[in-house]
Amino acid sequence: MRLDLSVSLSAGAPVVGVSGEVDLLTADDLYEFLATVIRQRGPRLSVDLRRVTFMDSRGATAMLRARRLARSLGGNLTLIGPSAPAALVLRAVLPDQDLAPPGRTAVAVPCRHPSV
């Protein structure tokens, strides 16, 4: 169970690359990485999920927490082409997020619930 994380810039905004399994053992690492990027590089970021091979509810919760943090600081978290395993779980946890097919950028949409 390996999780690889990277960060790059695209048009001046951070893009976090996620590769591997996002589950009970790695979800906290993902959240801490995303929170650090948000705090250090600004609250507008994209997360590339094309190389995620597995995601469970803990992984989706980590994404939700990071999105809440970004929004609380005036930004947003946009998903880039979630893999099929990631999209399946994220659709249940983030129903207001437009999940683009792999290789395409999802559009960040306004939150429907003030608490999210």
PDB file of N, CA and C in Angstrom:
ATOM      1  N   MET A   1       0.843  -1.177   0.000  1.00  0.00           N
ATOM      2  CA  MET A   1       0.000   0.000   0.000  1.00  0.00           C
ATOM      3  C   MET A   1       0.886   1.236   0.000  1.00  0.00           C
ATOM      4  N   ARG A   2       1.047   1.778  -1.156  1.00  0.00           N
ATOM      5  CA  ARG A   2       1.938   2.905  -1.310  1.00  0.00           C
ATOM      6  C   ARG A   2       1.168   4.099  -1.849  1.00  0.00           C
ATOM      7  N   LEU A   3       1.515   5.264  -1.348  1.00  0.00           N
ATOM      8  CA  LEU A   3       0.930   6.514  -1.811  1.00  0.00           C
ATOM      9  C   LEU A   3       2.072   7.442  -2.172  1.00  0.00           C
ATOM     10  N   ASP A   4       2.051   7.943  -3.390  1.00  0.00           N
ATOM     11  CA  ASP A   4       3.050   8.908  -3.829  1.00  0.00           C
ATOM     12  C   ASP A   4       2.358  10.237  -4.074  1.00  0.00           C
ATOM     13  N   LEU A   5       2.949  11.300  -3.539  1.00  0.00           N
ATOM     14  CA  LEU A   5       2.396  12.643  -3.665  1.00  0.00           C
ATOM     15  C   LEU A   5       3.448  13.565  -4.247  1.00  0.00           C
ATOM     16  N   SER A   6       3.017  14.462  -5.104  1.00  0.00           N
ATOM     17  CA  SER A   6       3.923  15.448  -5.686  1.00  0.00           C
ATOM     18  C   SER A   6       3.166  16.756  -5.836  1.00  0.00           C
ATOM     19  N   VAL A   7       3.917  17.824  -6.020  1.00  0.00           N
ATOM     20  CA  VAL A   7       3.278  19.118  -6.275  1.00  0.00           C
ATOM     21  C   VAL A   7       4.042  19.817  -7.387  1.00  0.00           C
ATOM     22  N   SER A   8       3.284  20.417  -8.287  1.00  0.00           N
ATOM     23  CA  SER A   8       3.853  21.198  -9.379  1.00  0.00           C
ATOM     24  C   SER A   8       2.991  22.443  -9.543  1.00  0.00           C
ATOM     25  N   LEU A   9       3.382  23.303 -10.451  1.00  0.00           N
ATOM     26  CA  LEU A   9       2.607  24.514 -10.714  1.00  0.00           C
ATOM     27  C   LEU A   9       2.065  24.474 -12.132  1.00  0.00           C
ATOM     28  N   SER A  10       0.844  24.953 -12.291  1.00  0.00           N
ATOM     29  CA  SER A  10       0.230  25.107 -13.600  1.00  0.00           C
ATOM     30  C   SER A  10      -0.481  26.447 -13.600  1.00  0.00           C
ATOM     31  N   ALA A  11      -0.048  27.337 -14.466  1.00  0.00           N
ATOM     32  CA  ALA A  11      -0.605  28.692 -14.526  1.00  0.00           C
ATOM     33  C   ALA A  11      -0.517  29.373 -13.158  1.00  0.00           C
ATOM     34  N   GLY A  12       0.570  29.105 -12.445  1.00  0.00           N
ATOM     35  CA  GLY A  12       0.803  29.749 -11.161  1.00  0.00           C
ATOM     36  C   GLY A  12       0.077  29.146  -9.975  1.00  0.00           C
ATOM     37  N   ALA A  13      -0.728  28.121 -10.209  1.00  0.00           N
ATOM     38  CA  ALA A  13      -1.476  27.487  -9.119  1.00  0.00           C
ATOM     39  C   ALA A  13      -0.935  26.082  -8.881  1.00  0.00           C
ATOM     40  N   PRO A  14      -0.935  25.637  -7.623  1.00  0.00           N
ATOM     41  CA  PRO A  14      -0.420  24.302  -7.329  1.00  0.00           C
ATOM     42  C   PRO A  14      -1.313  23.188  -7.868  1.00  0.00           C
ATOM     43  N   VAL A  15      -0.668  22.144  -8.343  1.00  0.00           N
ATOM     44  CA  VAL A  15      -1.340  20.916  -8.760  1.00  0.00           C
ATOM     45  C   VAL A  15      -0.689  19.782  -7.979  1.00  0.00           C
ATOM     46  N   VAL A  16      -1.490  19.100  -7.178  1.00  0.00           N
ATOM     47  CA  VAL A  16      -0.996  17.975  -6.386  1.00  0.00           C
ATOM     48  C   VAL A  16      -1.284  16.693  -7.156  1.00  0.00           C
ATOM     49  N   GLY A  17      -0.245  15.920  -7.403  1.00  0.00           N
ATOM     50  CA  GLY A  17      -0.395  14.626  -8.052  1.00  0.00           C
ATOM     51  C   GLY A  17      -0.495  13.532  -7.004  1.00  0.00           C
ATOM     52  N   VAL A  18      -1.493  12.675  -7.154  1.00  0.00           N
ATOM     53  CA  VAL A  18      -1.711  11.571  -6.218  1.00  0.00           C
ATOM     54  C   VAL A  18      -1.629  10.269  -7.010  1.00  0.00           C
ATOM     55  N   SER A  19      -0.818   9.339  -6.517  1.00  0.00           N
ATOM     56  CA  SER A  19      -0.631   8.064  -7.190  1.00  0.00           C
ATOM     57  C   SER A  19      -0.634   6.951  -6.153  1.00  0.00           C
ATOM     58  N   GLY A  20      -1.384   5.882  -6.438  1.00  0.00           N
ATOM     59  CA  GLY A  20      -1.414   4.745  -5.525  1.00  0.00           C
ATOM     60  C   GLY A  20      -2.735   4.614  -4.799  1.00  0.00           C
ATOM     61  N   GLU A  21      -2.667   4.078  -3.589  1.00  0.00           N
ATOM     62  CA  GLU A  21      -3.855   3.773  -2.796  1.00  0.00           C
ATOM     63  C   GLU A  21      -4.091   4.836  -1.732  1.00  0.00           C
ATOM     64  N   VAL A  22      -5.334   5.314  -1.678  1.00  0.00           N
ATOM     65  CA  VAL A  22      -5.727   6.289  -0.662  1.00  0.00           C
ATOM     66  C   VAL A  22      -6.756   5.588   0.220  1.00  0.00           C
ATOM     67  N   ASP A  23      -6.313   5.184   1.406  1.00  0.00           N
ATOM     68  CA  ASP A  23      -7.160   4.380   2.272  1.00  0.00           C
ATOM     69  C   ASP A  23      -6.890   4.698   3.737  1.00  0.00           C
ATOM     70  N   LEU A  24      -7.335   3.829   4.603  1.00  0.00           N
ATOM     71  CA  LEU A  24      -7.180   3.997   6.045  1.00  0.00           C
ATOM     72  C   LEU A  24      -5.741   4.294   6.438  1.00  0.00           C
ATOM     73  N   LEU A  25      -4.792   3.665   5.779  1.00  0.00           N
ATOM     74  CA  LEU A  25      -3.387   3.830   6.147  1.00  0.00           C
ATOM     75  C   LEU A  25      -2.734   5.072   5.554  1.00  0.00           C
ATOM     76  N   THR A  26      -3.293   5.621   4.488  1.00  0.00           N
ATOM     77  CA  THR A  26      -2.630   6.737   3.800  1.00  0.00           C
ATOM     78  C   THR A  26      -3.441   8.028   3.759  1.00  0.00           C
ATOM     79  N   ALA A  27      -4.705   7.980   4.131  1.00  0.00           N
ATOM     80  CA  ALA A  27      -5.578   9.154   4.004  1.00  0.00           C
ATOM     81  C   ALA A  27      -5.093  10.342   4.830  1.00  0.00           C
ATOM     82  N   ASP A  28      -4.610  10.096   6.033  1.00  0.00           N
ATOM     83  CA  ASP A  28      -4.120  11.206   6.856  1.00  0.00           C
ATOM     84  C   ASP A  28      -2.895  11.860   6.228  1.00  0.00           C
ATOM     85  N   ASP A  29      -2.032  11.059   5.615  1.00  0.00           N
ATOM     86  CA  ASP A  29      -0.867  11.617   4.922  1.00  0.00           C
ATOM     87  C   ASP A  29      -1.310  12.509   3.761  1.00  0.00           C
ATOM     88  N   LEU A  30      -2.322  12.054   3.018  1.00  0.00           N
ATOM     89  CA  LEU A  30      -2.836  12.862   1.914  1.00  0.00           C
ATOM     90  C   LEU A  30      -3.384  14.182   2.432  1.00  0.00           C
ATOM     91  N   TYR A  31      -4.212  14.117   3.474  1.00  0.00           N
ATOM     92  CA  TYR A  31      -4.781  15.359   4.004  1.00  0.00           C
ATOM     93  C   TYR A  31      -3.685  16.313   4.476  1.00  0.00           C
ATOM     94  N   GLU A  32      -2.733  15.822   5.225  1.00  0.00           N
ATOM     95  CA  GLU A  32      -1.664  16.691   5.734  1.00  0.00           C
ATOM     96  C   GLU A  32      -0.870  17.320   4.595  1.00  0.00           C
ATOM     97  N   PHE A  33      -0.628  16.561   3.541  1.00  0.00           N
ATOM     98  CA  PHE A  33       0.086  17.092   2.379  1.00  0.00           C
ATOM     99  C   PHE A  33      -0.737  18.198   1.725  1.00  0.00           C
ATOM    100  N   LEU A  34      -2.030  17.927   1.487  1.00  0.00           N
ATOM    101  CA  LEU A  34      -2.894  18.935   0.869  1.00  0.00           C
ATOM    102  C   LEU A  34      -3.010  20.177   1.747  1.00  0.00           C
ATOM    103  N   ALA A  35      -3.162  19.993   3.054  1.00  0.00           N
ATOM    104  CA  ALA A  35      -3.275  21.133   3.970  1.00  0.00           C
ATOM    105  C   ALA A  35      -2.007  21.976   3.950  1.00  0.00           C
ATOM    106  N   THR A  36      -0.860  21.333   3.884  1.00  0.00           N
ATOM    107  CA  THR A  36       0.405  22.069   3.813  1.00  0.00           C
ATOM    108  C   THR A  36       0.487  22.881   2.525  1.00  0.00           C
ATOM    109  N   VAL A  37       0.112  22.270   1.410  1.00  0.00           N
ATOM    110  CA  VAL A  37       0.123  22.994   0.132  1.00  0.00           C
ATOM    111  C   VAL A  37      -0.833  24.181   0.194  1.00  0.00           C
ATOM    112  N   ILE A  38      -2.019  23.984   0.723  1.00  0.00           N
ATOM    113  CA  ILE A  38      -3.008  25.061   0.827  1.00  0.00           C
ATOM    114  C   ILE A  38      -2.466  26.200   1.674  1.00  0.00           C
ATOM    115  N   ARG A  39      -1.877  25.881   2.803  1.00  0.00           N
ATOM    116  CA  ARG A  39      -1.381  26.923   3.713  1.00  0.00           C
ATOM    117  C   ARG A  39      -0.140  27.630   3.171  1.00  0.00           C
ATOM    118  N   GLN A  40       0.716  26.911   2.462  1.00  0.00           N
ATOM    119  CA  GLN A  40       1.969  27.502   1.995  1.00  0.00           C
ATOM    120  C   GLN A  40       1.877  28.134   0.612  1.00  0.00           C
ATOM    121  N   ARG A  41       1.015  27.601  -0.240  1.00  0.00           N
ATOM    122  CA  ARG A  41       0.976  28.080  -1.626  1.00  0.00           C
ATOM    123  C   ARG A  41      -0.350  28.709  -2.017  1.00  0.00           C
ATOM    124  N   GLY A  42      -1.287  28.771  -1.093  1.00  0.00           N
ATOM    125  CA  GLY A  42      -2.569  29.401  -1.377  1.00  0.00           C
ATOM    126  C   GLY A  42      -3.693  28.394  -1.506  1.00  0.00           C
ATOM    127  N   PRO A  43      -4.934  28.869  -1.294  1.00  0.00           N
ATOM    128  CA  PRO A  43      -6.076  27.968  -1.199  1.00  0.00           C
ATOM    129  C   PRO A  43      -6.692  27.535  -2.527  1.00  0.00           C
ATOM    130  N   ARG A  44      -6.134  27.940  -3.640  1.00  0.00           N
ATOM    131  CA  ARG A  44      -6.662  27.494  -4.935  1.00  0.00           C
ATOM    132  C   ARG A  44      -5.706  26.440  -5.488  1.00  0.00           C
ATOM    133  N   LEU A  45      -6.189  25.204  -5.528  1.00  0.00           N
ATOM    134  CA  LEU A  45      -5.327  24.137  -6.019  1.00  0.00           C
ATOM    135  C   LEU A  45      -6.131  23.089  -6.756  1.00  0.00           C
ATOM    136  N   SER A  46      -5.429  22.329  -7.557  1.00  0.00           N
ATOM    137  CA  SER A  46      -6.013  21.196  -8.267  1.00  0.00           C
ATOM    138  C   SER A  46      -5.358  19.929  -7.747  1.00  0.00           C
ATOM    139  N   VAL A  47      -6.125  18.851  -7.762  1.00  0.00           N
ATOM    140  CA  VAL A  47      -5.609  17.552  -7.330  1.00  0.00           C
ATOM    141  C   VAL A  47      -5.814  16.568  -8.481  1.00  0.00           C
ATOM    142  N   ASP A  48      -4.718  16.053  -8.986  1.00  0.00           N
ATOM    143  CA  ASP A  48      -4.727  15.118 -10.110  1.00  0.00           C
ATOM    144  C   ASP A  48      -4.856  13.698  -9.563  1.00  0.00           C
ATOM    145  N   LEU A  49      -6.006  13.077  -9.819  1.00  0.00           N
ATOM    146  CA  LEU A  49      -6.304  11.747  -9.282  1.00  0.00           C
ATOM    147  C   LEU A  49      -6.281  10.657 -10.353  1.00  0.00           C
ATOM    148  N   ARG A  50      -5.682  10.926 -11.488  1.00  0.00           N
ATOM    149  CA  ARG A  50      -5.682   9.953 -12.585  1.00  0.00           C
ATOM    150  C   ARG A  50      -4.933   8.671 -12.248  1.00  0.00           C
ATOM    151  N   ARG A  51      -3.988   8.736 -11.317  1.00  0.00           N
ATOM    152  CA  ARG A  51      -3.164   7.554 -11.009  1.00  0.00           C
ATOM    153  C   ARG A  51      -3.522   6.899  -9.671  1.00  0.00           C
ATOM    154  N   VAL A  52      -4.681   7.220  -9.152  1.00  0.00           N
ATOM    155  CA  VAL A  52      -5.147   6.575  -7.921  1.00  0.00           C
ATOM    156  C   VAL A  52      -5.664   5.188  -8.286  1.00  0.00           C
ATOM    157  N   THR A  53      -5.123   4.163  -7.627  1.00  0.00           N
ATOM    158  CA  THR A  53      -5.514   2.784  -7.926  1.00  0.00           C
ATOM    159  C   THR A  53      -6.600   2.256  -6.997  1.00  0.00           C
ATOM    160  N   PHE A  54      -6.771   2.909  -5.855  1.00  0.00           N
ATOM    161  CA  PHE A  54      -7.799   2.516  -4.895  1.00  0.00           C
ATOM    162  C   PHE A  54      -8.094   3.704  -4.002  1.00  0.00           C
ATOM    163  N   MET A  55      -9.374   3.893  -3.662  1.00  0.00           N
ATOM    164  CA  MET A  55      -9.747   4.917  -2.690  1.00  0.00           C
ATOM    165  C   MET A  55     -10.934   4.396  -1.897  1.00  0.00           C
ATOM    166  N   ASP A  56     -10.849   4.522  -0.577  1.00  0.00           N
ATOM    167  CA  ASP A  56     -11.979   4.158   0.263  1.00  0.00           C
ATOM    168  C   ASP A  56     -12.572   5.428   0.864  1.00  0.00           C
ATOM    169  N   SER A  57     -13.515   5.250   1.779  1.00  0.00           N
ATOM    170  CA  SER A  57     -14.196   6.413   2.352  1.00  0.00           C
ATOM    171  C   SER A  57     -13.252   7.313   3.137  1.00  0.00           C
ATOM    172  N   ARG A  58     -12.208   6.760   3.723  1.00  0.00           N
ATOM    173  CA  ARG A  58     -11.230   7.600   4.436  1.00  0.00           C
ATOM    174  C   ARG A  58     -10.499   8.513   3.460  1.00  0.00           C
ATOM    175  N   GLY A  59     -10.186   8.004   2.290  1.00  0.00           N
ATOM    176  CA  GLY A  59      -9.545   8.821   1.270  1.00  0.00           C
ATOM    177  C   GLY A  59     -10.456   9.935   0.799  1.00  0.00           C
ATOM    178  N   ALA A  60     -11.716   9.604   0.573  1.00  0.00           N
ATOM    179  CA  ALA A  60     -12.677  10.622   0.150  1.00  0.00           C
ATOM    180  C   ALA A  60     -12.877  11.663   1.247  1.00  0.00           C
ATOM    181  N   THR A  61     -12.882  11.227   2.495  1.00  0.00           N
ATOM    182  CA  THR A  61     -13.017  12.168   3.608  1.00  0.00           C
ATOM    183  C   THR A  61     -11.817  13.104   3.671  1.00  0.00           C
ATOM    184  N   ALA A  62     -10.638  12.603   3.393  1.00  0.00           N
ATOM    185  CA  ALA A  62      -9.446  13.461   3.358  1.00  0.00           C
ATOM    186  C   ALA A  62      -9.602  14.542   2.295  1.00  0.00           C
ATOM    187  N   MET A  63     -10.135  14.170   1.131  1.00  0.00           N
ATOM    188  CA  MET A  63     -10.369  15.149   0.067  1.00  0.00           C
ATOM    189  C   MET A  63     -11.405  16.182   0.501  1.00  0.00           C
ATOM    190  N   LEU A  64     -12.458  15.727   1.154  1.00  0.00           N
ATOM    191  CA  LEU A  64     -13.506  16.625   1.633  1.00  0.00           C
ATOM    192  C   LEU A  64     -12.950  17.602   2.660  1.00  0.00           C
ATOM    193  N   ARG A  65     -12.148  17.118   3.585  1.00  0.00           N
ATOM    194  CA  ARG A  65     -11.542  17.995   4.591  1.00  0.00           C
ATOM    195  C   ARG A  65     -10.644  19.038   3.940  1.00  0.00           C
ATOM    196  N   ALA A  66      -9.869  18.625   2.950  1.00  0.00           N
ATOM    197  CA  ALA A  66      -8.987  19.565   2.250  1.00  0.00           C
ATOM    198  C   ALA A  66      -9.806  20.606   1.492  1.00  0.00           C
ATOM    199  N   ARG A  67     -10.895  20.186   0.882  1.00  0.00           N
ATOM    200  CA  ARG A  67     -11.763  21.138   0.173  1.00  0.00           C
ATOM    201  C   ARG A  67     -12.352  22.143   1.153  1.00  0.00           C
ATOM    202  N   ARG A  68     -12.785  21.664   2.307  1.00  0.00           N
ATOM    203  CA  ARG A  68     -13.323  22.580   3.330  1.00  0.00           C
ATOM    204  C   ARG A  68     -12.274  23.595   3.757  1.00  0.00           C
ATOM    205  N   LEU A  69     -11.039  23.139   3.965  1.00  0.00           N
ATOM    206  CA  LEU A  69      -9.962  24.044   4.356  1.00  0.00           C
ATOM    207  C   LEU A  69      -9.726  25.084   3.269  1.00  0.00           C
ATOM    208  N   ALA A  70      -9.626  24.651   2.028  1.00  0.00           N
ATOM    209  CA  ALA A  70      -9.400  25.593   0.920  1.00  0.00           C
ATOM    210  C   ALA A  70     -10.520  26.622   0.843  1.00  0.00           C
ATOM    211  N   ARG A  71     -11.749  26.179   0.957  1.00  0.00           N
ATOM    212  CA  ARG A  71     -12.887  27.102   0.886  1.00  0.00           C
ATOM    213  C   ARG A  71     -12.930  28.049   2.078  1.00  0.00           C
ATOM    214  N   SER A  72     -12.526  27.577   3.241  1.00  0.00           N
ATOM    215  CA  SER A  72     -12.530  28.449   4.423  1.00  0.00           C
ATOM    216  C   SER A  72     -11.518  29.580   4.280  1.00  0.00           C
ATOM    217  N   LEU A  73     -10.538  29.384   3.402  1.00  0.00           N
ATOM    218  CA  LEU A  73      -9.509  30.397   3.161  1.00  0.00           C
ATOM    219  C   LEU A  73      -9.764  31.161   1.863  1.00  0.00           C
ATOM    220  N   GLY A  74     -10.960  30.997   1.292  1.00  0.00           N
ATOM    221  CA  GLY A  74     -11.340  31.745   0.103  1.00  0.00           C
ATOM    222  C   GLY A  74     -10.964  31.106  -1.213  1.00  0.00           C
ATOM    223  N   GLY A  75     -10.575  29.853  -1.200  1.00  0.00           N
ATOM    224  CA  GLY A  75     -10.171  29.175  -2.427  1.00  0.00           C
ATOM    225  C   GLY A  75     -11.094  28.028  -2.772  1.00  0.00           C
ATOM    226  N   ASN A  76     -10.543  27.047  -3.459  1.00  0.00           N
ATOM    227  CA  ASN A  76     -11.298  25.857  -3.819  1.00  0.00           C
ATOM    228  C   ASN A  76     -10.328  24.748  -4.200  1.00  0.00           C
ATOM    229  N   LEU A  77     -10.818  23.547  -4.207  1.00  0.00           N
ATOM    230  CA  LEU A  77     -10.050  22.379  -4.596  1.00  0.00           C
ATOM    231  C   LEU A  77     -10.744  21.785  -5.819  1.00  0.00           C
ATOM    232  N   THR A  78     -10.017  21.694  -6.916  1.00  0.00           N
ATOM    233  CA  THR A  78     -10.553  21.174  -8.168  1.00  0.00           C
ATOM    234  C   THR A  78      -9.917  19.820  -8.450  1.00  0.00           C
ATOM    235  N   LEU A  79     -10.735  18.870  -8.861  1.00  0.00           N
ATOM    236  CA  LEU A  79     -10.242  17.529  -9.167  1.00  0.00           C
ATOM    237  C   LEU A  79      -9.907  17.412 -10.644  1.00  0.00           C
ATOM    238  N   ILE A  80      -8.806  16.742 -10.935  1.00  0.00           N
ATOM    239  CA  ILE A  80      -8.412  16.480 -12.316  1.00  0.00           C
ATOM    240  C   ILE A  80      -8.568  14.990 -12.576  1.00  0.00           C
ATOM    241  N   GLY A  81      -9.436  14.652 -13.501  1.00  0.00           N
ATOM    242  CA  GLY A  81      -9.620  13.301 -14.005  1.00  0.00           C
ATOM    243  C   GLY A  81      -9.525  12.167 -13.028  1.00  0.00           C
ATOM    244  N   PRO A  82     -10.395  12.092 -12.037  1.00  0.00           N
ATOM    245  CA  PRO A  82     -10.310  10.978 -11.090  1.00  0.00           C
ATOM    246  C   PRO A  82     -10.385   9.627 -11.797  1.00  0.00           C
ATOM    247  N   SER A  83      -9.535   8.706 -11.379  1.00  0.00           N
ATOM    248  CA  SER A  83      -9.595   7.337 -11.898  1.00  0.00           C
ATOM    249  C   SER A  83     -10.937   6.726 -11.507  1.00  0.00           C
ATOM    250  N   ALA A  84     -11.295   5.622 -12.126  1.00  0.00           N
ATOM    251  CA  ALA A  84     -12.567   4.966 -11.820  1.00  0.00           C
ATOM    252  C   ALA A  84     -12.703   4.621 -10.334  1.00  0.00           C
ATOM    253  N   PRO A  85     -11.668   4.052  -9.681  1.00  0.00           N
ATOM    254  CA  PRO A  85     -11.812   3.748  -8.255  1.00  0.00           C
ATOM    255  C   PRO A  85     -12.031   5.000  -7.400  1.00  0.00           C
ATOM    256  N   ALA A  86     -11.363   6.085  -7.749  1.00  0.00           N
ATOM    257  CA  ALA A  86     -11.527   7.326  -6.987  1.00  0.00           C
ATOM    258  C   ALA A  86     -12.893   7.942  -7.254  1.00  0.00           C
ATOM    259  N   ALA A  87     -13.311   7.971  -8.512  1.00  0.00           N
ATOM    260  CA  ALA A  87     -14.584   8.595  -8.872  1.00  0.00           C
ATOM    261  C   ALA A  87     -15.761   7.910  -8.194  1.00  0.00           C
ATOM    262  N   LEU A  88     -15.710   6.603  -8.089  1.00  0.00           N
ATOM    263  CA  LEU A  88     -16.802   5.852  -7.472  1.00  0.00           C
ATOM    264  C   LEU A  88     -17.067   6.333  -6.047  1.00  0.00           C
ATOM    265  N   VAL A  89     -16.020   6.471  -5.263  1.00  0.00           N
ATOM    266  CA  VAL A  89     -16.162   6.894  -3.868  1.00  0.00           C
ATOM    267  C   VAL A  89     -16.451   8.389  -3.782  1.00  0.00           C
ATOM    268  N   LEU A  90     -15.778   9.179  -4.585  1.00  0.00           N
ATOM    269  CA  LEU A  90     -15.946  10.632  -4.515  1.00  0.00           C
ATOM    270  C   LEU A  90     -17.352  11.074  -4.897  1.00  0.00           C
ATOM    271  N   ARG A  91     -17.986  10.367  -5.816  1.00  0.00           N
ATOM    272  CA  ARG A  91     -19.360  10.727  -6.188  1.00  0.00           C
ATOM    273  C   ARG A  91     -20.300  10.600  -4.987  1.00  0.00           C
ATOM    274  N   ALA A  92     -20.026   9.653  -4.122  1.00  0.00           N
ATOM    275  CA  ALA A  92     -20.866   9.467  -2.938  1.00  0.00           C
ATOM    276  C   ALA A  92     -20.599  10.535  -1.887  1.00  0.00           C
ATOM    277  N   VAL A  93     -19.346  10.948  -1.751  1.00  0.00           N
ATOM    278  CA  VAL A  93     -18.966  11.887  -0.697  1.00  0.00           C
ATOM    279  C   VAL A  93     -19.049  13.337  -1.154  1.00  0.00           C
ATOM    280  N   LEU A  94     -18.759  13.594  -2.418  1.00  0.00           N
ATOM    281  CA  LEU A  94     -18.762  14.954  -2.963  1.00  0.00           C
ATOM    282  C   LEU A  94     -19.775  15.048  -4.101  1.00  0.00           C
ATOM    283  N   PRO A  95     -21.067  14.914  -3.803  1.00  0.00           N
ATOM    284  CA  PRO A  95     -22.055  14.881  -4.882  1.00  0.00           C
ATOM    285  C   PRO A  95     -22.159  16.188  -5.663  1.00  0.00           C
ATOM    286  N   ASP A  96     -21.704  17.296  -5.101  1.00  0.00           N
ATOM    287  CA  ASP A  96     -21.793  18.572  -5.815  1.00  0.00           C
ATOM    288  C   ASP A  96     -20.547  18.868  -6.631  1.00  0.00           C
ATOM    289  N   GLN A  97     -19.601  17.946  -6.677  1.00  0.00           N
ATOM    290  CA  GLN A  97     -18.377  18.129  -7.462  1.00  0.00           C
ATOM    291  C   GLN A  97     -18.578  17.472  -8.821  1.00  0.00           C
ATOM    292  N   ASP A  98     -18.382  18.230  -9.875  1.00  0.00           N
ATOM    293  CA  ASP A  98     -18.468  17.688 -11.226  1.00  0.00           C
ATOM    294  C   ASP A  98     -17.208  16.874 -11.481  1.00  0.00           C
ATOM    295  N   LEU A  99     -17.339  15.566 -11.575  1.00  0.00           N
ATOM    296  CA  LEU A  99     -16.177  14.703 -11.778  1.00  0.00           C
ATOM    297  C   LEU A  99     -15.969  14.476 -13.268  1.00  0.00           C
ATOM    298  N   ALA A 100     -14.902  15.026 -13.776  1.00  0.00           N
ATOM    299  CA  ALA A 100     -14.586  14.881 -15.197  1.00  0.00           C
ATOM    300  C   ALA A 100     -14.009  13.499 -15.459  1.00  0.00           C
ATOM    301  N   PRO A 101     -14.138  13.011 -16.690  1.00  0.00           N
ATOM    302  CA  PRO A 101     -13.514  11.733 -17.027  1.00  0.00           C
ATOM    303  C   PRO A 101     -12.000  11.820 -16.915  1.00  0.00           C
ATOM    304  N   PRO A 102     -11.310  10.691 -16.769  1.00  0.00           N
ATOM    305  CA  PRO A 102      -9.853  10.722 -16.668  1.00  0.00           C
ATOM    306  C   PRO A 102      -9.229  11.526 -17.807  1.00  0.00           C
ATOM    307  N   GLY A 103      -8.231  12.319 -17.447  1.00  0.00           N
ATOM    308  CA  GLY A 103      -7.538  13.124 -18.432  1.00  0.00           C
ATOM    309  C   GLY A 103      -8.134  14.493 -18.646  1.00  0.00           C
ATOM    310  N   ARG A 104      -9.276  14.772 -18.047  1.00  0.00           N
ATOM    311  CA  ARG A 104      -9.895  16.085 -18.197  1.00  0.00           C
ATOM    312  C   ARG A 104     -10.035  16.718 -16.830  1.00  0.00           C
ATOM    313  N   THR A 105     -10.095  18.028 -16.810  1.00  0.00           N
ATOM    314  CA  THR A 105     -10.218  18.752 -15.553  1.00  0.00           C
ATOM    315  C   THR A 105     -11.681  18.902 -15.190  1.00  0.00           C
ATOM    316  N   ALA A 106     -11.986  18.630 -13.948  1.00  0.00           N
ATOM    317  CA  ALA A 106     -13.347  18.838 -13.465  1.00  0.00           C
ATOM    318  C   ALA A 106     -13.548  20.314 -13.181  1.00  0.00           C
ATOM    319  N   VAL A 107     -14.771  20.742 -13.314  1.00  0.00           N
ATOM    320  CA  VAL A 107     -15.107  22.128 -13.023  1.00  0.00           C
ATOM    321  C   VAL A 107     -15.452  22.225 -11.548  1.00  0.00           C
ATOM    322  N   ALA A 108     -14.849  23.173 -10.871  1.00  0.00           N
ATOM    323  CA  ALA A 108     -15.182  23.383  -9.465  1.00  0.00           C
ATOM    324  C   ALA A 108     -16.515  24.106  -9.411  1.00  0.00           C
ATOM    325  N   VAL A 109     -17.461  23.537  -8.717  1.00  0.00           N
ATOM    326  CA  VAL A 109     -18.786  24.140  -8.643  1.00  0.00           C
ATOM    327  C   VAL A 109     -19.033  24.636  -7.231  1.00  0.00           C
ATOM    328  N   PRO A 110     -19.929  25.613  -7.074  1.00  0.00           N
ATOM    329  CA  PRO A 110     -20.219  26.124  -5.737  1.00  0.00           C
ATOM    330  C   PRO A 110     -20.782  25.031  -4.836  1.00  0.00           C
ATOM    331  N   CYS A 111     -20.501  25.154  -3.585  1.00  0.00           N
ATOM    332  CA  CYS A 111     -20.980  24.207  -2.582  1.00  0.00           C
ATOM    333  C   CYS A 111     -22.476  24.375  -2.387  1.00  0.00           C
ATOM    334  N   ARG A 112     -23.210  23.284  -2.300  1.00  0.00           N
ATOM    335  CA  ARG A 112     -24.652  23.348  -2.072  1.00  0.00           C
ATOM    336  C   ARG A 112     -24.997  23.445  -0.592  1.00  0.00           C
ATOM    337  N   HIS A 113     -24.081  23.019   0.248  1.00  0.00           N
ATOM    338  CA  HIS A 113     -24.337  22.997   1.683  1.00  0.00           C
ATOM    339  C   HIS A 113     -23.309  23.877   2.378  1.00  0.00           C
ATOM    340  N   PRO A 114     -23.735  24.860   3.184  1.00  0.00           N
ATOM    341  CA  PRO A 114     -22.783  25.757   3.834  1.00  0.00           C
ATOM    342  C   PRO A 114     -21.750  25.040   4.684  1.00  0.00           C
ATOM    343  N   SER A 115     -22.063  23.873   5.217  1.00  0.00           N
ATOM    344  CA  SER A 115     -21.127  23.175   6.095  1.00  0.00           C
ATOM    345  C   SER A 115     -20.078  22.385   5.328  1.00  0.00           C
ATOM    346  N   VAL A 116     -20.185  22.314   4.009  1.00  0.00           N
ATOM    347  CA  VAL A 116     -19.232  21.524   3.222  1.00  0.00           C
ATOM    348  C   VAL A 116     -18.214  22.436   2.590  1.00  0.00           C
TER     349      VAL A 116
END
